[in-house]
Amino acid sequence: MKKLVMLAVSLLTVAALAGVSMAAEGSAAAPAKPAHHGNKMGKKMSAPRMTMGEVTTVTAGKKFEVKDEKGKTHAFSIGKHTKIDGELKAGVKVNVTSKGRWAEEVKVEGSPAPAAAPMAPKPPAEKY
């Protein structure tokens, strides 16, 4: 009788361990859900992107297009937080940092550095 009880306990232990092992494998094989980053619409947040090329068209204060080295045209919108260093006009070379279609920063190549302060005019020369 003792042997029969020991055999039953052993079989139940093996079955229990096999069940735990199967459950662990099943949860490991399940695909992980992507982390939600607090975006209300559930869309992926895009990382800032850099585009370099020549400005082809400009709609003042609204949008502009840049043609890159490969000949592809990229359209960007200008928002109230867009920082533009230099004069944005057709034909200039630019480096654009953007998120999606919105330009965050536009650096015009060859534009002079902003002056610290305008120089005061010289006083008129005295006549003798």
N, C-alpha and C. Protein backbone atom coordinates (compact mmCIF):
# COMPACT_ATOMS: atom_id res chain seq x y z
N MET A 1 0.81 -1.17 0.00
CA MET A 1 0.00 0.00 0.00
C MET A 1 0.87 1.26 0.00
N LYS A 2 1.97 1.23 0.81
CA LYS A 2 2.87 2.37 0.84
C LYS A 2 3.48 2.61 -0.54
N LYS A 3 3.81 1.57 -1.24
CA LYS A 3 4.41 1.70 -2.56
C LYS A 3 3.41 2.33 -3.53
N LEU A 4 2.17 1.97 -3.43
CA LEU A 4 1.14 2.51 -4.30
C LEU A 4 0.92 4.00 -4.04
N VAL A 5 0.92 4.41 -2.79
CA VAL A 5 0.76 5.82 -2.43
C VAL A 5 1.98 6.62 -2.92
N MET A 6 3.17 6.09 -2.73
CA MET A 6 4.39 6.75 -3.18
C MET A 6 4.39 6.89 -4.70
N LEU A 7 3.93 5.88 -5.41
CA LEU A 7 3.86 5.93 -6.87
C LEU A 7 2.86 7.01 -7.32
N ALA A 8 1.73 7.09 -6.67
CA ALA A 8 0.70 8.08 -7.01
C ALA A 8 1.23 9.50 -6.74
N VAL A 9 1.90 9.69 -5.60
CA VAL A 9 2.46 11.00 -5.27
C VAL A 9 3.53 11.39 -6.29
N SER A 10 4.35 10.44 -6.68
CA SER A 10 5.40 10.71 -7.67
C SER A 10 4.79 11.11 -9.02
N LEU A 11 3.78 10.38 -9.46
CA LEU A 11 3.14 10.69 -10.74
C LEU A 11 2.46 12.07 -10.70
N LEU A 12 1.81 12.39 -9.59
CA LEU A 12 1.18 13.70 -9.46
C LEU A 12 2.22 14.82 -9.46
N THR A 13 3.36 14.59 -8.83
CA THR A 13 4.43 15.59 -8.80
C THR A 13 4.99 15.82 -10.20
N VAL A 14 5.23 14.74 -10.95
CA VAL A 14 5.74 14.86 -12.31
C VAL A 14 4.73 15.60 -13.19
N ALA A 15 3.45 15.26 -13.05
CA ALA A 15 2.41 15.91 -13.85
C ALA A 15 2.33 17.40 -13.50
N ALA A 16 2.43 17.75 -12.24
CA ALA A 16 2.38 19.14 -11.82
C ALA A 16 3.57 19.93 -12.36
N LEU A 17 4.75 19.35 -12.30
CA LEU A 17 5.94 20.02 -12.83
C LEU A 17 5.86 20.18 -14.35
N ALA A 18 5.34 19.21 -15.04
CA ALA A 18 5.18 19.30 -16.49
C ALA A 18 4.19 20.40 -16.85
N GLY A 19 3.12 20.54 -16.08
CA GLY A 19 2.14 21.59 -16.32
C GLY A 19 2.72 22.98 -16.12
N VAL A 20 3.53 23.15 -15.08
CA VAL A 20 4.18 24.43 -14.82
C VAL A 20 5.15 24.75 -15.94
N SER A 21 5.88 23.76 -16.41
CA SER A 21 6.83 23.96 -17.49
C SER A 21 6.13 24.37 -18.78
N MET A 22 5.01 23.74 -19.09
CA MET A 22 4.25 24.06 -20.31
C MET A 22 3.69 25.49 -20.22
N ALA A 23 3.23 25.89 -19.06
CA ALA A 23 2.68 27.23 -18.89
C ALA A 23 3.76 28.29 -19.08
N ALA A 24 4.96 28.02 -18.57
CA ALA A 24 6.06 28.97 -18.71
C ALA A 24 6.46 29.12 -20.17
N GLU A 25 6.50 28.03 -20.92
CA GLU A 25 6.84 28.08 -22.33
C GLU A 25 5.79 28.84 -23.12
N GLY A 26 4.53 28.64 -22.80
CA GLY A 26 3.44 29.30 -23.51
C GLY A 26 3.48 30.81 -23.32
N SER A 27 3.79 31.28 -22.13
CA SER A 27 3.83 32.73 -21.90
C SER A 27 5.08 33.33 -22.52
N ALA A 28 6.17 32.58 -22.60
CA ALA A 28 7.38 33.10 -23.21
C ALA A 28 7.22 33.18 -24.73
N ALA A 29 6.44 32.29 -25.31
CA ALA A 29 6.29 32.28 -26.75
C ALA A 29 5.28 33.33 -27.22
N ALA A 30 4.45 33.85 -26.34
CA ALA A 30 3.45 34.85 -26.72
C ALA A 30 4.16 36.14 -27.10
N PRO A 31 3.74 36.78 -28.19
CA PRO A 31 4.40 38.03 -28.60
C PRO A 31 4.12 39.14 -27.59
N ALA A 32 5.15 39.93 -27.35
CA ALA A 32 5.01 41.04 -26.40
C ALA A 32 4.27 42.19 -27.07
N LYS A 33 3.41 42.86 -26.32
CA LYS A 33 2.69 44.01 -26.85
C LYS A 33 3.64 45.21 -26.84
N PRO A 34 3.56 46.07 -27.87
CA PRO A 34 4.41 47.25 -27.86
C PRO A 34 4.03 48.18 -26.72
N ALA A 35 5.03 48.85 -26.19
CA ALA A 35 4.79 49.77 -25.08
C ALA A 35 4.00 50.97 -25.56
N HIS A 36 3.07 51.43 -24.75
CA HIS A 36 2.27 52.59 -25.08
C HIS A 36 2.95 53.80 -24.45
N HIS A 37 3.24 54.81 -25.26
CA HIS A 37 4.00 55.96 -24.80
C HIS A 37 3.13 57.14 -24.45
N GLY A 38 1.87 56.93 -24.12
CA GLY A 38 1.03 58.03 -23.70
C GLY A 38 0.45 58.83 -24.85
N ASN A 39 0.58 58.36 -26.07
CA ASN A 39 0.04 59.05 -27.22
C ASN A 39 -1.46 58.79 -27.28
N LYS A 40 -2.29 59.83 -27.28
CA LYS A 40 -3.73 59.68 -27.21
C LYS A 40 -4.30 58.91 -28.40
N MET A 41 -3.74 59.08 -29.56
CA MET A 41 -4.28 58.44 -30.76
C MET A 41 -3.72 57.03 -30.97
N GLY A 42 -2.75 56.61 -30.18
CA GLY A 42 -2.18 55.28 -30.31
C GLY A 42 -1.19 55.19 -31.46
N LYS A 43 -0.83 56.31 -32.06
CA LYS A 43 0.13 56.31 -33.16
C LYS A 43 1.54 56.27 -32.61
N LYS A 44 2.47 55.78 -33.44
CA LYS A 44 3.86 55.78 -33.02
C LYS A 44 4.40 57.20 -33.07
N MET A 45 5.20 57.54 -32.07
CA MET A 45 5.86 58.84 -32.07
C MET A 45 7.08 58.71 -32.96
N SER A 46 7.22 59.63 -33.90
CA SER A 46 8.35 59.56 -34.79
C SER A 46 9.54 60.29 -34.19
N ALA A 47 10.70 59.76 -34.44
CA ALA A 47 11.93 60.38 -33.97
C ALA A 47 12.27 61.54 -34.91
N PRO A 48 12.98 62.56 -34.43
CA PRO A 48 13.37 63.65 -35.31
C PRO A 48 14.17 63.12 -36.50
N ARG A 49 13.93 63.71 -37.66
CA ARG A 49 14.57 63.27 -38.89
C ARG A 49 15.31 64.43 -39.53
N MET A 50 16.45 64.16 -40.13
CA MET A 50 17.27 65.20 -40.76
C MET A 50 17.18 65.05 -42.28
N THR A 51 16.87 66.16 -42.96
CA THR A 51 16.82 66.18 -44.43
C THR A 51 17.69 67.32 -44.91
N MET A 52 18.56 67.02 -45.88
CA MET A 52 19.42 68.05 -46.45
C MET A 52 19.12 68.15 -47.94
N GLY A 53 19.09 69.39 -48.45
CA GLY A 53 18.85 69.57 -49.87
C GLY A 53 18.63 71.02 -50.22
N GLU A 54 18.02 71.24 -51.40
CA GLU A 54 17.80 72.58 -51.93
C GLU A 54 16.31 72.90 -51.88
N VAL A 55 16.00 74.10 -51.41
CA VAL A 55 14.61 74.54 -51.34
C VAL A 55 14.11 74.79 -52.76
N THR A 56 12.96 74.20 -53.10
CA THR A 56 12.38 74.38 -54.43
C THR A 56 11.22 75.38 -54.42
N THR A 57 10.38 75.34 -53.39
CA THR A 57 9.27 76.28 -53.28
C THR A 57 9.09 76.68 -51.82
N VAL A 58 8.57 77.91 -51.63
CA VAL A 58 8.30 78.41 -50.29
C VAL A 58 6.96 79.14 -50.31
N THR A 59 6.08 78.80 -49.39
CA THR A 59 4.87 79.57 -49.12
C THR A 59 5.11 80.20 -47.77
N ALA A 60 5.36 81.52 -47.75
CA ALA A 60 5.81 82.23 -46.56
C ALA A 60 4.97 81.92 -45.33
N GLY A 61 5.65 81.47 -44.27
CA GLY A 61 5.00 81.22 -43.00
C GLY A 61 4.14 79.97 -42.95
N LYS A 62 4.04 79.22 -44.05
CA LYS A 62 3.16 78.04 -44.06
C LYS A 62 3.89 76.74 -44.38
N LYS A 63 4.57 76.70 -45.52
CA LYS A 63 5.22 75.45 -45.93
C LYS A 63 6.34 75.72 -46.92
N PHE A 64 7.16 74.67 -47.14
CA PHE A 64 8.22 74.72 -48.14
C PHE A 64 8.56 73.31 -48.58
N GLU A 65 9.23 73.20 -49.72
CA GLU A 65 9.64 71.89 -50.23
C GLU A 65 11.14 71.88 -50.44
N VAL A 66 11.74 70.71 -50.18
CA VAL A 66 13.18 70.52 -50.32
C VAL A 66 13.43 69.32 -51.21
N LYS A 67 14.33 69.49 -52.19
CA LYS A 67 14.73 68.38 -53.06
C LYS A 67 16.08 67.88 -52.56
N ASP A 68 16.14 66.59 -52.16
CA ASP A 68 17.39 66.05 -51.60
C ASP A 68 18.36 65.63 -52.71
N GLU A 69 19.52 65.09 -52.30
CA GLU A 69 20.57 64.72 -53.26
C GLU A 69 20.12 63.63 -54.22
N LYS A 70 19.16 62.81 -53.81
CA LYS A 70 18.67 61.72 -54.65
C LYS A 70 17.56 62.16 -55.59
N GLY A 71 17.14 63.43 -55.49
CA GLY A 71 16.10 63.96 -56.36
C GLY A 71 14.69 63.83 -55.79
N LYS A 72 14.56 63.31 -54.57
CA LYS A 72 13.25 63.16 -53.95
C LYS A 72 12.84 64.49 -53.31
N THR A 73 11.57 64.87 -53.49
CA THR A 73 11.06 66.11 -52.92
C THR A 73 10.34 65.83 -51.60
N HIS A 74 10.67 66.62 -50.58
CA HIS A 74 10.07 66.50 -49.25
C HIS A 74 9.33 67.79 -48.94
N ALA A 75 8.07 67.69 -48.51
CA ALA A 75 7.28 68.85 -48.14
C ALA A 75 7.24 68.99 -46.63
N PHE A 76 7.43 70.22 -46.14
CA PHE A 76 7.42 70.49 -44.70
C PHE A 76 6.47 71.63 -44.40
N SER A 77 5.78 71.53 -43.28
CA SER A 77 4.92 72.62 -42.80
C SER A 77 5.71 73.44 -41.79
N ILE A 78 5.42 74.74 -41.76
CA ILE A 78 6.06 75.64 -40.81
C ILE A 78 5.05 75.94 -39.72
N GLY A 79 5.43 75.68 -38.48
CA GLY A 79 4.54 75.93 -37.34
C GLY A 79 5.05 77.11 -36.52
N LYS A 80 4.30 77.44 -35.48
CA LYS A 80 4.70 78.57 -34.65
C LYS A 80 5.96 78.29 -33.85
N HIS A 81 6.34 77.02 -33.71
CA HIS A 81 7.55 76.67 -32.96
C HIS A 81 8.72 76.33 -33.88
N THR A 82 8.56 76.48 -35.20
CA THR A 82 9.63 76.19 -36.14
C THR A 82 10.70 77.27 -36.04
N LYS A 83 11.95 76.85 -35.84
CA LYS A 83 13.08 77.78 -35.74
C LYS A 83 13.76 77.82 -37.11
N ILE A 84 13.87 79.01 -37.69
CA ILE A 84 14.50 79.15 -39.00
C ILE A 84 15.73 80.05 -38.85
N ASP A 85 16.92 79.47 -39.13
CA ASP A 85 18.18 80.21 -39.07
C ASP A 85 18.56 80.60 -40.49
N GLY A 86 18.40 81.87 -40.83
CA GLY A 86 18.74 82.36 -42.16
C GLY A 86 17.48 82.70 -42.94
N GLU A 87 17.68 83.11 -44.20
CA GLU A 87 16.56 83.49 -45.06
C GLU A 87 16.13 82.29 -45.88
N LEU A 88 14.90 81.85 -45.65
CA LEU A 88 14.36 80.69 -46.35
C LEU A 88 13.75 81.15 -47.66
N LYS A 89 14.39 80.77 -48.78
CA LYS A 89 13.90 81.13 -50.11
C LYS A 89 14.31 80.05 -51.09
N ALA A 90 13.66 80.03 -52.23
CA ALA A 90 13.95 79.02 -53.26
C ALA A 90 15.40 79.13 -53.71
N GLY A 91 16.05 77.97 -53.86
CA GLY A 91 17.42 77.92 -54.36
C GLY A 91 18.48 77.79 -53.29
N VAL A 92 18.15 78.02 -52.02
CA VAL A 92 19.16 77.91 -50.96
C VAL A 92 19.26 76.47 -50.48
N LYS A 93 20.43 76.12 -49.98
CA LYS A 93 20.66 74.79 -49.40
C LYS A 93 20.29 74.86 -47.93
N VAL A 94 19.58 73.81 -47.45
CA VAL A 94 19.12 73.79 -46.07
C VAL A 94 19.34 72.43 -45.43
N ASN A 95 19.40 72.44 -44.10
CA ASN A 95 19.37 71.23 -43.27
C ASN A 95 18.10 71.36 -42.44
N VAL A 96 17.17 70.41 -42.59
CA VAL A 96 15.88 70.47 -41.91
C VAL A 96 15.78 69.34 -40.89
N THR A 97 15.46 69.69 -39.65
CA THR A 97 15.15 68.71 -38.62
C THR A 97 13.65 68.72 -38.48
N SER A 98 13.02 67.53 -38.64
CA SER A 98 11.56 67.48 -38.64
C SER A 98 11.05 66.28 -37.88
N LYS A 99 9.78 66.38 -37.51
CA LYS A 99 9.03 65.25 -36.96
C LYS A 99 7.80 65.14 -37.85
N GLY A 100 7.78 64.08 -38.64
CA GLY A 100 6.67 63.94 -39.58
C GLY A 100 6.74 65.04 -40.63
N ARG A 101 5.63 65.72 -40.87
CA ARG A 101 5.60 66.77 -41.88
C ARG A 101 5.95 68.14 -41.32
N TRP A 102 6.13 68.25 -40.00
CA TRP A 102 6.40 69.53 -39.36
C TRP A 102 7.90 69.78 -39.21
N ALA A 103 8.37 70.91 -39.73
CA ALA A 103 9.77 71.29 -39.58
C ALA A 103 9.96 71.84 -38.18
N GLU A 104 10.95 71.32 -37.47
CA GLU A 104 11.27 71.84 -36.14
C GLU A 104 12.35 72.90 -36.22
N GLU A 105 13.36 72.64 -37.07
CA GLU A 105 14.46 73.58 -37.23
C GLU A 105 14.94 73.56 -38.66
N VAL A 106 15.18 74.74 -39.22
CA VAL A 106 15.68 74.88 -40.58
C VAL A 106 16.94 75.72 -40.51
N LYS A 107 18.06 75.16 -40.96
CA LYS A 107 19.33 75.89 -41.00
C LYS A 107 19.70 76.13 -42.46
N VAL A 108 19.75 77.39 -42.84
CA VAL A 108 20.13 77.77 -44.19
C VAL A 108 21.65 77.80 -44.26
N GLU A 109 22.24 77.05 -45.21
CA GLU A 109 23.70 77.01 -45.34
C GLU A 109 24.21 78.34 -45.87
N GLY A 110 25.33 78.77 -45.32
CA GLY A 110 25.96 80.00 -45.79
C GLY A 110 25.33 81.26 -45.25
N SER A 111 24.33 81.14 -44.38
CA SER A 111 23.74 82.36 -43.82
C SER A 111 24.66 82.89 -42.74
N PRO A 112 24.80 84.22 -42.66
CA PRO A 112 25.70 84.78 -41.65
C PRO A 112 25.16 84.55 -40.26
N ALA A 113 26.07 84.50 -39.31
CA ALA A 113 25.67 84.35 -37.91
C ALA A 113 24.95 85.62 -37.48
N PRO A 114 23.93 85.50 -36.65
CA PRO A 114 23.21 86.71 -36.22
C PRO A 114 24.12 87.65 -35.44
N ALA A 115 23.99 88.94 -35.74
CA ALA A 115 24.81 89.94 -35.05
C ALA A 115 24.33 90.10 -33.62
N ALA A 116 25.27 90.38 -32.72
CA ALA A 116 24.91 90.54 -31.31
C ALA A 116 24.09 91.81 -31.11
N ALA A 117 24.53 92.92 -31.68
CA ALA A 117 23.79 94.18 -31.58
C ALA A 117 24.22 95.06 -32.75
N PRO A 118 23.32 95.89 -33.25
CA PRO A 118 23.72 96.77 -34.35
C PRO A 118 24.73 97.81 -33.85
N MET A 119 25.62 98.19 -34.74
CA MET A 119 26.65 99.17 -34.36
C MET A 119 26.03 100.57 -34.38
N ALA A 120 26.47 101.39 -33.46
CA ALA A 120 25.99 102.77 -33.39
C ALA A 120 26.62 103.58 -34.51
N PRO A 121 25.88 104.51 -35.10
CA PRO A 121 26.46 105.33 -36.18
C PRO A 121 27.55 106.26 -35.62
N LYS A 122 28.51 106.61 -36.47
CA LYS A 122 29.59 107.51 -36.06
C LYS A 122 29.02 108.93 -35.95
N PRO A 123 29.53 109.67 -35.00
CA PRO A 123 29.08 111.06 -34.90
C PRO A 123 29.59 111.86 -36.09
N PRO A 124 28.87 112.90 -36.48
CA PRO A 124 29.33 113.71 -37.63
C PRO A 124 30.68 114.37 -37.33
N ALA A 125 31.50 114.49 -38.37
CA ALA A 125 32.82 115.11 -38.22
C ALA A 125 32.67 116.61 -38.00
N GLU A 126 33.51 117.16 -37.15
CA GLU A 126 33.45 118.60 -36.90
C GLU A 126 34.22 119.33 -37.97
N LYS A 127 33.69 120.48 -38.41
CA LYS A 127 34.35 121.30 -39.42
C LYS A 127 35.07 122.46 -38.74
N TYR A 128 36.30 122.73 -39.15
CA TYR A 128 37.05 123.85 -38.60
C TYR A 128 37.46 124.76 -39.69
